[in-house]
Amino acid sequence: MHPLPSAARLFVAFIVLALVFMVLERLAAAIPRKPLFRRERMADFGLAVTFTIIAATVLVRLAGGREPSPHWFEAQPRALQILEMLLAADFLGYWAHRLFHGRALWRFHAIHHSAEDLDWLAAARVHPVNEVLMTVLQIVPLYLLGFRGEALAAIVPLLGVYALFVHANLRWDFGPFRYLVASPAFHRWHHTSEAEGLHRNFAGLFPWLDLLFGTLYLPRDRHAQQFGIIGEAVPRSLIAQLAYPFRAPRVEL
């Protein structure tokens, strides 16, 4: 029996993850849940399917079925390779993320921040230009630094699944480990439209990067409650979102 193609396997994995997150969000919601299948989420589903197919192609290219080499990176234990890559990828991702909050790239990133009902699927609301540039800014430097092979391929789905998790409508903050590993409570403050949390918590995996560079915000006594963008009219349909960064800015009154 032939195994499923990579795209089909990732799509099945996405369906399984969707069921898991829907159960978790029902059991431990940070704020009251809204129906998943509502009008503005159709664009999110479309982007999720698109990026699932793209991720499958990238994984095939990165894993590649190559024989082990004597390269310095691949000569290390696999667990050490993955740990080193996660640290390097999140460091690069932190600074790339901050670039997207600057004037030049914000309109691409604004699509992601436009979700007013933040849950796991909001992780898929990403403009393709945002996704491509973020991947280039993370993966290309890793490759140039000597990171290679299956370990490089392994972090792509790992970071993808973790992105779904930290966007989830969950109240978890990981208690004593809250500054060590990113939690939903940590990342949901990044998406808040409340002034106290704006332009904070840029790390995707390691909050101590925000602590180190002065952008951490994670109060113990409350959770982010309001999300989206104030004063900027980001459209809800998929086609309009794709066109949005290339249109003249329109301020919401």
Protein backbone atom coordinates (compact mmCIF):
# COMPACT_ATOMS: atom_id res chain seq x y z
CA MET A 1 0.00 0.00 0.00
CA HIS A 2 1.50 3.32 -1.11
CA PRO A 3 1.82 6.07 1.50
CA LEU A 4 -0.20 9.24 1.06
CA PRO A 5 1.57 12.06 -0.80
CA SER A 6 3.10 14.69 1.45
CA ALA A 7 0.33 17.25 0.74
CA ALA A 8 -2.37 14.70 1.61
CA ARG A 9 -0.59 13.68 4.82
CA LEU A 10 -0.30 17.30 5.92
CA PHE A 11 -3.94 17.93 5.07
CA VAL A 12 -5.01 14.93 7.18
CA ALA A 13 -2.76 16.20 9.98
CA PHE A 14 -4.42 19.62 9.70
CA ILE A 15 -7.89 18.06 10.10
CA VAL A 16 -6.72 16.12 13.16
CA LEU A 17 -5.20 19.27 14.67
CA ALA A 18 -8.42 21.18 13.98
CA LEU A 19 -10.39 18.62 15.98
CA VAL A 20 -7.84 18.72 18.83
CA PHE A 21 -7.89 22.51 19.06
CA MET A 22 -11.67 22.70 18.91
CA VAL A 23 -11.86 20.35 21.90
CA LEU A 24 -9.15 22.23 23.84
CA GLU A 25 -10.78 25.58 23.18
CA ARG A 26 -14.07 24.23 24.45
CA LEU A 27 -12.45 22.94 27.66
CA ALA A 28 -10.08 25.83 28.47
CA ALA A 29 -11.20 28.90 26.54
CA ALA A 30 -9.61 32.22 27.50
CA ILE A 31 -12.71 34.13 26.36
CA PRO A 32 -16.17 32.86 25.26
CA ARG A 33 -15.96 30.95 21.97
CA LYS A 34 -17.73 31.94 18.77
CA PRO A 35 -18.90 29.53 16.03
CA LEU A 36 -15.94 28.29 13.97
CA PHE A 37 -17.77 28.33 10.65
CA ARG A 38 -18.57 32.02 10.39
CA ARG A 39 -18.29 34.18 7.32
CA GLU A 40 -14.98 35.88 7.99
CA ARG A 41 -13.22 32.55 8.62
CA MET A 42 -13.63 31.23 5.09
CA ALA A 43 -10.56 33.20 4.04
CA ASP A 44 -8.63 31.59 6.90
CA PHE A 45 -9.59 28.11 5.74
CA GLY A 46 -8.54 28.97 2.18
CA LEU A 47 -5.15 30.22 3.31
CA ALA A 48 -4.70 27.20 5.61
CA VAL A 49 -5.23 24.76 2.72
CA THR A 50 -2.91 26.78 0.46
CA PHE A 51 -0.09 26.90 2.99
CA THR A 52 -0.52 23.20 3.76
CA ILE A 53 0.24 22.39 0.12
CA ILE A 54 3.17 24.83 0.04
CA ALA A 55 4.60 23.38 3.28
CA ALA A 56 4.42 19.88 1.83
CA THR A 57 6.46 20.99 -1.19
CA VAL A 58 9.05 22.73 1.01
CA LEU A 59 9.41 19.66 3.26
CA VAL A 60 10.03 17.37 0.29
CA ARG A 61 12.69 19.72 -1.00
CA LEU A 62 14.42 20.10 2.37
CA ALA A 63 14.34 16.46 3.42
CA GLY A 64 15.33 15.41 -0.05
CA GLY A 65 16.35 11.80 0.65
CA ARG A 66 20.05 12.65 0.70
CA GLU A 67 22.70 10.44 2.21
CA PRO A 68 24.29 11.63 5.49
CA SER A 69 27.30 13.87 4.94
CA PRO A 70 30.38 14.73 7.02
CA HIS A 71 29.16 18.36 7.20
CA TRP A 72 29.78 19.87 10.66
CA PHE A 73 26.11 20.32 11.38
CA GLU A 74 24.94 16.87 10.33
CA ALA A 75 27.79 15.27 12.25
CA GLN A 76 26.07 16.28 15.52
CA PRO A 77 23.33 14.28 17.29
CA ARG A 78 19.92 14.93 15.73
CA ALA A 79 18.41 16.31 18.97
CA LEU A 80 21.24 18.86 19.23
CA GLN A 81 20.75 19.84 15.59
CA ILE A 82 17.06 20.55 16.17
CA LEU A 83 17.70 22.49 19.40
CA GLU A 84 20.36 24.66 17.74
CA MET A 85 18.07 25.28 14.80
CA LEU A 86 15.10 26.23 16.95
CA LEU A 87 17.22 28.74 18.88
CA ALA A 88 18.65 30.24 15.69
CA ALA A 89 15.29 30.25 13.88
CA ASP A 90 13.47 31.99 16.71
CA PHE A 91 16.22 34.59 17.08
CA LEU A 92 15.97 35.36 13.36
CA GLY A 93 12.17 35.18 13.49
CA TYR A 94 12.05 37.66 16.39
CA TRP A 95 13.88 40.34 14.41
CA ALA A 96 12.04 39.54 11.17
CA HIS A 97 8.75 39.88 13.06
CA ARG A 98 9.77 43.29 14.34
CA LEU A 99 10.52 44.33 10.74
CA PHE A 100 6.95 43.46 9.79
CA HIS A 101 5.70 45.86 12.44
CA GLY A 102 7.59 48.68 10.73
CA ARG A 103 6.02 51.00 8.18
CA ALA A 104 7.48 49.31 5.07
CA LEU A 105 6.03 45.84 5.68
CA TRP A 106 3.13 46.47 8.04
CA ARG A 107 0.33 46.34 5.44
CA PHE A 108 1.32 42.75 4.60
CA HIS A 109 1.43 41.83 8.28
CA ALA A 110 -1.79 43.71 9.07
CA ILE A 111 -3.75 40.86 7.44
CA HIS A 112 -2.57 38.56 10.22
CA HIS A 113 -3.42 41.06 12.95
CA SER A 114 -6.88 41.78 11.57
CA ALA A 115 -8.44 38.76 13.32
CA GLU A 116 -10.84 40.12 15.94
CA ASP A 117 -11.85 36.65 17.19
CA LEU A 118 -8.47 35.09 17.90
CA ASP A 119 -8.27 31.30 17.89
CA TRP A 120 -6.01 28.59 16.45
CA LEU A 121 -7.11 29.14 12.84
CA ALA A 122 -6.07 32.80 12.95
CA ALA A 123 -2.50 31.53 12.60
CA ALA A 124 -3.32 30.80 8.95
CA ARG A 125 -4.46 34.36 8.23
CA VAL A 126 -1.14 35.39 6.71
CA HIS A 127 -0.55 37.22 3.45
CA PRO A 128 1.60 35.10 1.06
CA VAL A 129 4.17 37.89 0.77
CA ASN A 130 4.44 37.92 4.58
CA GLU A 131 4.88 34.14 4.61
CA VAL A 132 7.49 34.08 1.84
CA LEU A 133 9.56 36.92 3.29
CA MET A 134 9.43 35.49 6.80
CA THR A 135 10.55 32.09 5.47
CA VAL A 136 13.39 33.66 3.50
CA LEU A 137 14.51 35.73 6.51
CA GLN A 138 14.58 32.61 8.71
CA ILE A 139 15.49 29.66 6.51
CA VAL A 140 18.01 31.20 4.11
CA PRO A 141 20.31 32.51 6.87
CA LEU A 142 20.11 29.12 8.58
CA TYR A 143 21.18 27.41 5.37
CA LEU A 144 24.01 29.91 4.83
CA LEU A 145 25.20 29.30 8.39
CA GLY A 146 25.46 25.60 7.63
CA PHE A 147 22.18 24.16 8.95
CA ARG A 148 21.15 21.30 6.72
CA GLY A 149 19.01 18.31 5.87
CA GLU A 150 16.26 16.55 7.78
CA ALA A 151 16.69 18.68 10.91
CA LEU A 152 15.96 21.79 8.83
CA ALA A 153 12.88 20.04 7.43
CA ALA A 154 11.80 18.93 10.90
CA ILE A 155 11.42 22.44 12.33
CA VAL A 156 9.05 23.58 9.54
CA PRO A 157 6.04 21.51 10.67
CA LEU A 158 7.04 21.86 14.33
CA LEU A 159 6.95 25.66 14.17
CA GLY A 160 3.78 25.50 12.09
CA VAL A 161 1.93 23.41 14.66
CA TYR A 162 3.22 25.57 17.48
CA ALA A 163 1.96 28.68 15.71
CA LEU A 164 -1.53 27.15 15.69
CA PHE A 165 -1.19 26.41 19.39
CA VAL A 166 -0.08 29.88 20.56
CA HIS A 167 -2.92 31.52 18.62
CA ALA A 168 -5.50 29.23 20.24
CA ASN A 169 -8.22 30.61 22.46
CA LEU A 170 -6.66 29.08 25.57
CA ARG A 171 -5.93 30.65 28.97
CA TRP A 172 -2.71 28.69 29.54
CA ASP A 173 0.43 30.66 30.47
CA PHE A 174 2.69 27.76 31.59
CA GLY A 175 3.14 29.09 35.14
CA PRO A 176 6.81 28.89 36.21
CA PHE A 177 7.86 28.23 32.59
CA ARG A 178 5.99 31.26 31.22
CA TYR A 179 9.23 33.07 30.26
CA LEU A 180 10.93 29.96 28.88
CA VAL A 181 8.44 28.75 26.24
CA ALA A 182 5.76 30.75 24.45
CA SER A 183 2.20 30.09 25.62
CA PRO A 184 -1.19 31.10 24.20
CA ALA A 185 -1.47 33.77 26.93
CA PHE A 186 1.91 35.20 25.84
CA HIS A 187 1.13 35.39 22.13
CA ARG A 188 -2.45 36.58 22.53
CA TRP A 189 -1.05 39.75 24.11
CA HIS A 190 0.87 40.27 20.87
CA HIS A 191 -2.45 40.33 18.97
CA THR A 192 -4.33 42.57 21.36
CA SER A 193 -5.76 45.91 20.27
CA GLU A 194 -5.44 47.14 23.87
CA ALA A 195 -2.80 49.86 24.18
CA GLU A 196 -0.90 48.12 26.98
CA GLY A 197 0.09 45.19 24.78
CA LEU A 198 0.76 46.83 21.41
CA HIS A 199 4.02 45.88 19.66
CA ARG A 200 5.04 43.37 22.31
CA ASN A 201 5.88 39.65 22.44
CA PHE A 202 7.47 39.14 19.02
CA ALA A 203 9.08 35.76 19.71
CA GLY A 204 7.38 32.71 18.28
CA LEU A 205 8.84 30.14 20.66
CA PHE A 206 11.10 31.65 23.34
CA PRO A 207 9.66 34.59 25.38
CA TRP A 208 13.04 35.24 26.97
CA LEU A 209 14.04 36.87 23.66
CA ASP A 210 11.41 39.53 24.33
CA LEU A 211 12.65 39.79 27.90
CA LEU A 212 16.22 40.21 26.63
CA PHE A 213 15.32 42.91 24.09
CA GLY A 214 12.77 44.78 26.20
CA THR A 215 9.53 43.86 24.42
CA LEU A 216 7.99 41.37 26.88
CA TYR A 217 4.48 41.91 28.22
CA LEU A 218 2.88 39.10 30.20
CA PRO A 219 0.89 40.21 33.28
CA ARG A 220 -0.05 37.45 35.71
CA ASP A 221 -3.42 38.85 36.77
CA ARG A 222 -5.26 39.16 33.42
CA HIS A 223 -5.48 38.00 29.81
CA ALA A 224 -5.84 39.89 26.55
CA GLN A 225 -9.54 40.37 25.73
CA GLN A 226 -9.73 42.51 22.59
CA PHE A 227 -8.05 41.80 19.27
CA GLY A 228 -7.73 43.24 15.78
CA ILE A 229 -6.48 46.59 14.50
CA ILE A 230 -7.79 49.98 15.55
CA GLY A 231 -8.19 52.65 12.86
CA GLU A 232 -7.34 50.45 9.86
CA ALA A 233 -10.00 48.89 7.63
CA VAL A 234 -8.65 45.45 6.69
CA PRO A 235 -11.08 43.49 4.45
CA ARG A 236 -12.42 40.05 5.39
CA SER A 237 -12.66 38.21 2.07
CA LEU A 238 -9.67 36.24 0.77
CA ILE A 239 -9.26 38.10 -2.55
CA ALA A 240 -9.59 41.49 -0.87
CA GLN A 241 -7.01 40.53 1.75
CA LEU A 242 -4.54 39.46 -0.93
CA ALA A 243 -4.98 42.81 -2.70
CA TYR A 244 -5.02 44.94 0.45
CA PRO A 245 -1.27 45.70 0.81
CA PHE A 246 -1.12 46.94 -2.80
CA ARG A 247 -4.04 49.37 -2.51
CA ALA A 248 -3.94 52.95 -1.25
CA PRO A 249 -4.39 53.09 2.55
CA ARG A 250 -7.92 53.74 3.78
CA VAL A 251 -8.38 54.86 7.37
CA GLU A 252 -11.36 53.50 9.29
CA LEU A 253 -13.44 56.31 10.81
